[in-house]
Amino acid sequence: MGIEAVEMIAPLVPGAPLCRATAPGSSLDGVEVNFKGGQVGAENYFGVLLEGRVF
């Protein structure tokens, strides 16, 4: 995939920040990713992410 770095860009919810990948020369360069695990976030978690509402 060529990802060299992942930088936090916004605290979407505690424990699951919104991040941006750096992958020079790849179509993934600049893609936003979110790492979520377990019981992190409310029931509307994915709706908040989809709508781009960052708190």
PDB file of N, CA and C in Angstrom:
ATOM      1  N   MET A   1       0.811  -1.187   0.000  1.00  0.00           N
ATOM      2  CA  MET A   1       0.000   0.000   0.000  1.00  0.00           C
ATOM      3  C   MET A   1       0.858   1.255   0.000  1.00  0.00           C
ATOM      4  N   GLY A   2       2.063   1.184   0.451  1.00  0.00           N
ATOM      5  CA  GLY A   2       2.967   2.322   0.402  1.00  0.00           C
ATOM      6  C   GLY A   2       2.745   3.381   1.461  1.00  0.00           C
ATOM      7  N   ILE A   3       1.981   3.077   2.505  1.00  0.00           N
ATOM      8  CA  ILE A   3       1.731   4.067   3.549  1.00  0.00           C
ATOM      9  C   ILE A   3       2.991   4.235   4.396  1.00  0.00           C
ATOM     10  N   GLU A   4       3.441   5.477   4.503  1.00  0.00           N
ATOM     11  CA  GLU A   4       4.640   5.791   5.283  1.00  0.00           C
ATOM     12  C   GLU A   4       4.314   6.379   6.645  1.00  0.00           C
ATOM     13  N   ALA A   5       3.148   7.018   6.779  1.00  0.00           N
ATOM     14  CA  ALA A   5       2.788   7.655   8.039  1.00  0.00           C
ATOM     15  C   ALA A   5       1.275   7.781   8.139  1.00  0.00           C
ATOM     16  N   VAL A   6       0.803   7.843   9.376  1.00  0.00           N
ATOM     17  CA  VAL A   6      -0.605   8.118   9.663  1.00  0.00           C
ATOM     18  C   VAL A   6      -0.622   9.210  10.719  1.00  0.00           C
ATOM     19  N   GLU A   7      -1.288  10.328  10.400  1.00  0.00           N
ATOM     20  CA  GLU A   7      -1.303  11.490  11.276  1.00  0.00           C
ATOM     21  C   GLU A   7      -2.720  11.745  11.781  1.00  0.00           C
ATOM     22  N   MET A   8      -2.857  11.994  13.080  1.00  0.00           N
ATOM     23  CA  MET A   8      -4.161  12.333  13.642  1.00  0.00           C
ATOM     24  C   MET A   8      -4.554  13.724  13.168  1.00  0.00           C
ATOM     25  N   ILE A   9      -5.791  13.846  12.646  1.00  0.00           N
ATOM     26  CA  ILE A   9      -6.240  15.160  12.179  1.00  0.00           C
ATOM     27  C   ILE A   9      -7.427  15.684  12.980  1.00  0.00           C
ATOM     28  N   ALA A  10      -8.144  14.787  13.708  1.00  0.00           N
ATOM     29  CA  ALA A  10      -9.271  15.251  14.520  1.00  0.00           C
ATOM     30  C   ALA A  10      -9.641  14.187  15.544  1.00  0.00           C
ATOM     31  N   PRO A  11     -10.027  14.621  16.747  1.00  0.00           N
ATOM     32  CA  PRO A  11     -10.463  13.664  17.772  1.00  0.00           C
ATOM     33  C   PRO A  11     -11.942  13.319  17.596  1.00  0.00           C
ATOM     34  N   LEU A  12     -12.243  12.379  16.696  1.00  0.00           N
ATOM     35  CA  LEU A  12     -13.640  12.030  16.411  1.00  0.00           C
ATOM     36  C   LEU A  12     -14.373  11.626  17.680  1.00  0.00           C
ATOM     37  N   VAL A  13     -13.870  10.635  18.383  1.00  0.00           N
ATOM     38  CA  VAL A  13     -14.338  10.256  19.717  1.00  0.00           C
ATOM     39  C   VAL A  13     -13.106   9.787  20.485  1.00  0.00           C
ATOM     40  N   PRO A  14     -13.141   9.857  21.828  1.00  0.00           N
ATOM     41  CA  PRO A  14     -11.984   9.382  22.598  1.00  0.00           C
ATOM     42  C   PRO A  14     -11.639   7.931  22.241  1.00  0.00           C
ATOM     43  N   GLY A  15     -10.393   7.708  21.911  1.00  0.00           N
ATOM     44  CA  GLY A  15      -9.922   6.366  21.584  1.00  0.00           C
ATOM     45  C   GLY A  15     -10.045   5.975  20.128  1.00  0.00           C
ATOM     46  N   ALA A  16     -10.613   6.852  19.289  1.00  0.00           N
ATOM     47  CA  ALA A  16     -10.756   6.543  17.864  1.00  0.00           C
ATOM     48  C   ALA A  16     -10.622   7.825  17.048  1.00  0.00           C
ATOM     49  N   PRO A  17      -9.402   8.340  16.907  1.00  0.00           N
ATOM     50  CA  PRO A  17      -9.220   9.591  16.182  1.00  0.00           C
ATOM     51  C   PRO A  17      -9.345   9.416  14.666  1.00  0.00           C
ATOM     52  N   LEU A  18      -9.707  10.491  14.004  1.00  0.00           N
ATOM     53  CA  LEU A  18      -9.711  10.520  12.546  1.00  0.00           C
ATOM     54  C   LEU A  18      -8.288  10.823  12.109  1.00  0.00           C
ATOM     55  N   CYS A  19      -7.778  10.050  11.159  1.00  0.00           N
ATOM     56  CA  CYS A  19      -6.379  10.183  10.748  1.00  0.00           C
ATOM     57  C   CYS A  19      -6.270  10.329   9.232  1.00  0.00           C
ATOM     58  N   ARG A  20      -5.115  10.792   8.777  1.00  0.00           N
ATOM     59  CA  ARG A  20      -4.829  10.910   7.346  1.00  0.00           C
ATOM     60  C   ARG A  20      -3.549  10.135   7.052  1.00  0.00           C
ATOM     61  N   ALA A  21      -3.609   9.303   6.018  1.00  0.00           N
ATOM     62  CA  ALA A  21      -2.454   8.509   5.618  1.00  0.00           C
ATOM     63  C   ALA A  21      -1.594   9.276   4.627  1.00  0.00           C
ATOM     64  N   THR A  22      -0.288   9.088   4.751  1.00  0.00           N
ATOM     65  CA  THR A  22       0.666   9.639   3.802  1.00  0.00           C
ATOM     66  C   THR A  22       1.291   8.470   3.047  1.00  0.00           C
ATOM     67  N   ALA A  23       1.084   8.470   1.728  1.00  0.00           N
ATOM     68  CA  ALA A  23       1.599   7.391   0.883  1.00  0.00           C
ATOM     69  C   ALA A  23       2.022   7.980  -0.459  1.00  0.00           C
ATOM     70  N   PRO A  24       3.191   8.613  -0.504  1.00  0.00           N
ATOM     71  CA  PRO A  24       3.643   9.262  -1.737  1.00  0.00           C
ATOM     72  C   PRO A  24       3.618   8.309  -2.941  1.00  0.00           C
ATOM     73  N   GLY A  25       3.052   8.795  -4.040  1.00  0.00           N
ATOM     74  CA  GLY A  25       3.004   7.998  -5.261  1.00  0.00           C
ATOM     75  C   GLY A  25       1.913   6.944  -5.280  1.00  0.00           C
ATOM     76  N   SER A  26       1.069   6.917  -4.270  1.00  0.00           N
ATOM     77  CA  SER A  26       0.004   5.921  -4.180  1.00  0.00           C
ATOM     78  C   SER A  26      -1.353   6.613  -4.226  1.00  0.00           C
ATOM     79  N   SER A  27      -2.358   5.899  -4.703  1.00  0.00           N
ATOM     80  CA  SER A  27      -3.710   6.449  -4.707  1.00  0.00           C
ATOM     81  C   SER A  27      -4.252   6.607  -3.283  1.00  0.00           C
ATOM     82  N   LEU A  28      -3.586   6.019  -2.307  1.00  0.00           N
ATOM     83  CA  LEU A  28      -4.000   6.134  -0.910  1.00  0.00           C
ATOM     84  C   LEU A  28      -3.462   7.390  -0.226  1.00  0.00           C
ATOM     85  N   ASP A  29      -2.618   8.140  -0.909  1.00  0.00           N
ATOM     86  CA  ASP A  29      -2.057   9.341  -0.310  1.00  0.00           C
ATOM     87  C   ASP A  29      -3.175  10.325   0.024  1.00  0.00           C
ATOM     88  N   GLY A  30      -3.263  10.710   1.290  1.00  0.00           N
ATOM     89  CA  GLY A  30      -4.263  11.657   1.745  1.00  0.00           C
ATOM     90  C   GLY A  30      -5.583  11.046   2.175  1.00  0.00           C
ATOM     91  N   VAL A  31      -5.711   9.729   2.063  1.00  0.00           N
ATOM     92  CA  VAL A  31      -6.970   9.090   2.460  1.00  0.00           C
ATOM     93  C   VAL A  31      -7.160   9.228   3.965  1.00  0.00           C
ATOM     94  N   GLU A  32      -8.409   9.474   4.374  1.00  0.00           N
ATOM     95  CA  GLU A  32      -8.721   9.583   5.793  1.00  0.00           C
ATOM     96  C   GLU A  32      -9.164   8.219   6.312  1.00  0.00           C
ATOM     97  N   VAL A  33      -8.621   7.834   7.460  1.00  0.00           N
ATOM     98  CA  VAL A  33      -8.936   6.549   8.067  1.00  0.00           C
ATOM     99  C   VAL A  33      -9.282   6.752   9.531  1.00  0.00           C
ATOM    100  N   ASN A  34     -10.010   5.800  10.067  1.00  0.00           N
ATOM    101  CA  ASN A  34     -10.388   5.853  11.472  1.00  0.00           C
ATOM    102  C   ASN A  34     -10.167   4.471  12.060  1.00  0.00           C
ATOM    103  N   PHE A  35      -9.449   4.414  13.147  1.00  0.00           N
ATOM    104  CA  PHE A  35      -9.185   3.150  13.820  1.00  0.00           C
ATOM    105  C   PHE A  35     -10.120   3.016  15.010  1.00  0.00           C
ATOM    106  N   LYS A  36     -11.049   2.088  14.926  1.00  0.00           N
ATOM    107  CA  LYS A  36     -12.047   1.919  15.979  1.00  0.00           C
ATOM    108  C   LYS A  36     -12.001   0.476  16.465  1.00  0.00           C
ATOM    109  N   GLY A  37     -12.084   0.331  17.758  1.00  0.00           N
ATOM    110  CA  GLY A  37     -12.102  -1.011  18.308  1.00  0.00           C
ATOM    111  C   GLY A  37     -13.070  -1.110  19.471  1.00  0.00           C
ATOM    112  N   GLY A  38     -13.598  -2.288  19.695  1.00  0.00           N
ATOM    113  CA  GLY A  38     -14.435  -2.543  20.853  1.00  0.00           C
ATOM    114  C   GLY A  38     -15.660  -1.669  20.954  1.00  0.00           C
ATOM    115  N   GLN A  39     -15.928  -1.222  22.158  1.00  0.00           N
ATOM    116  CA  GLN A  39     -17.132  -0.457  22.461  1.00  0.00           C
ATOM    117  C   GLN A  39     -16.883   1.049  22.412  1.00  0.00           C
ATOM    118  N   VAL A  40     -16.058   1.503  21.505  1.00  0.00           N
ATOM    119  CA  VAL A  40     -15.725   2.922  21.379  1.00  0.00           C
ATOM    120  C   VAL A  40     -16.828   3.646  20.620  1.00  0.00           C
ATOM    121  N   GLY A  41     -17.296   4.761  21.165  1.00  0.00           N
ATOM    122  CA  GLY A  41     -18.271   5.593  20.474  1.00  0.00           C
ATOM    123  C   GLY A  41     -19.712   5.216  20.764  1.00  0.00           C
ATOM    124  N   ALA A  42     -20.597   6.140  20.447  1.00  0.00           N
ATOM    125  CA  ALA A  42     -22.031   5.955  20.661  1.00  0.00           C
ATOM    126  C   ALA A  42     -22.648   5.156  19.506  1.00  0.00           C
ATOM    127  N   GLU A  43     -23.950   4.906  19.603  1.00  0.00           N
ATOM    128  CA  GLU A  43     -24.642   4.143  18.569  1.00  0.00           C
ATOM    129  C   GLU A  43     -24.600   4.828  17.211  1.00  0.00           C
ATOM    130  N   ASN A  44     -24.500   6.161  17.201  1.00  0.00           N
ATOM    131  CA  ASN A  44     -24.465   6.890  15.939  1.00  0.00           C
ATOM    132  C   ASN A  44     -23.037   7.123  15.433  1.00  0.00           C
ATOM    133  N   TYR A  45     -22.092   6.388  15.934  1.00  0.00           N
ATOM    134  CA  TYR A  45     -20.672   6.558  15.612  1.00  0.00           C
ATOM    135  C   TYR A  45     -20.408   6.608  14.115  1.00  0.00           C
ATOM    136  N   PHE A  46     -20.883   5.616  13.384  1.00  0.00           N
ATOM    137  CA  PHE A  46     -20.599   5.561  11.951  1.00  0.00           C
ATOM    138  C   PHE A  46     -21.354   6.646  11.190  1.00  0.00           C
ATOM    139  N   GLY A  47     -22.530   7.054  11.671  1.00  0.00           N
ATOM    140  CA  GLY A  47     -23.251   8.171  11.074  1.00  0.00           C
ATOM    141  C   GLY A  47     -22.485   9.470  11.220  1.00  0.00           C
ATOM    142  N   VAL A  48     -21.912   9.682  12.395  1.00  0.00           N
ATOM    143  CA  VAL A  48     -21.093  10.874  12.640  1.00  0.00           C
ATOM    144  C   VAL A  48     -19.895  10.877  11.696  1.00  0.00           C
ATOM    145  N   LEU A  49     -19.249   9.748  11.548  1.00  0.00           N
ATOM    146  CA  LEU A  49     -18.090   9.632  10.661  1.00  0.00           C
ATOM    147  C   LEU A  49     -18.496   9.873   9.211  1.00  0.00           C
ATOM    148  N   LEU A  50     -19.577   9.269   8.775  1.00  0.00           N
ATOM    149  CA  LEU A  50     -20.056   9.420   7.400  1.00  0.00           C
ATOM    150  C   LEU A  50     -20.425  10.867   7.082  1.00  0.00           C
ATOM    151  N   GLU A  51     -21.059  11.548   8.017  1.00  0.00           N
ATOM    152  CA  GLU A  51     -21.490  12.933   7.809  1.00  0.00           C
ATOM    153  C   GLU A  51     -20.369  13.935   7.992  1.00  0.00           C
ATOM    154  N   GLY A  52     -19.233  13.496   8.511  1.00  0.00           N
ATOM    155  CA  GLY A  52     -18.101  14.391   8.701  1.00  0.00           C
ATOM    156  C   GLY A  52     -18.252  15.336   9.873  1.00  0.00           C
ATOM    157  N   ARG A  53     -19.118  14.978  10.832  1.00  0.00           N
ATOM    158  CA  ARG A  53     -19.290  15.816  12.023  1.00  0.00           C
ATOM    159  C   ARG A  53     -18.226  15.454  13.035  1.00  0.00           C
ATOM    160  N   VAL A  54     -17.259  16.325  13.211  1.00  0.00           N
ATOM    161  CA  VAL A  54     -16.180  16.098  14.157  1.00  0.00           C
ATOM    162  C   VAL A  54     -16.398  17.014  15.350  1.00  0.00           C
ATOM    163  N   PHE A  55     -16.318  16.452  16.547  1.00  0.00           N
ATOM    164  CA  PHE A  55     -16.552  17.221  17.762  1.00  0.00           C
ATOM    165  C   PHE A  55     -15.257  17.764  18.301  1.00  0.00           C
TER     166      PHE A  55
END
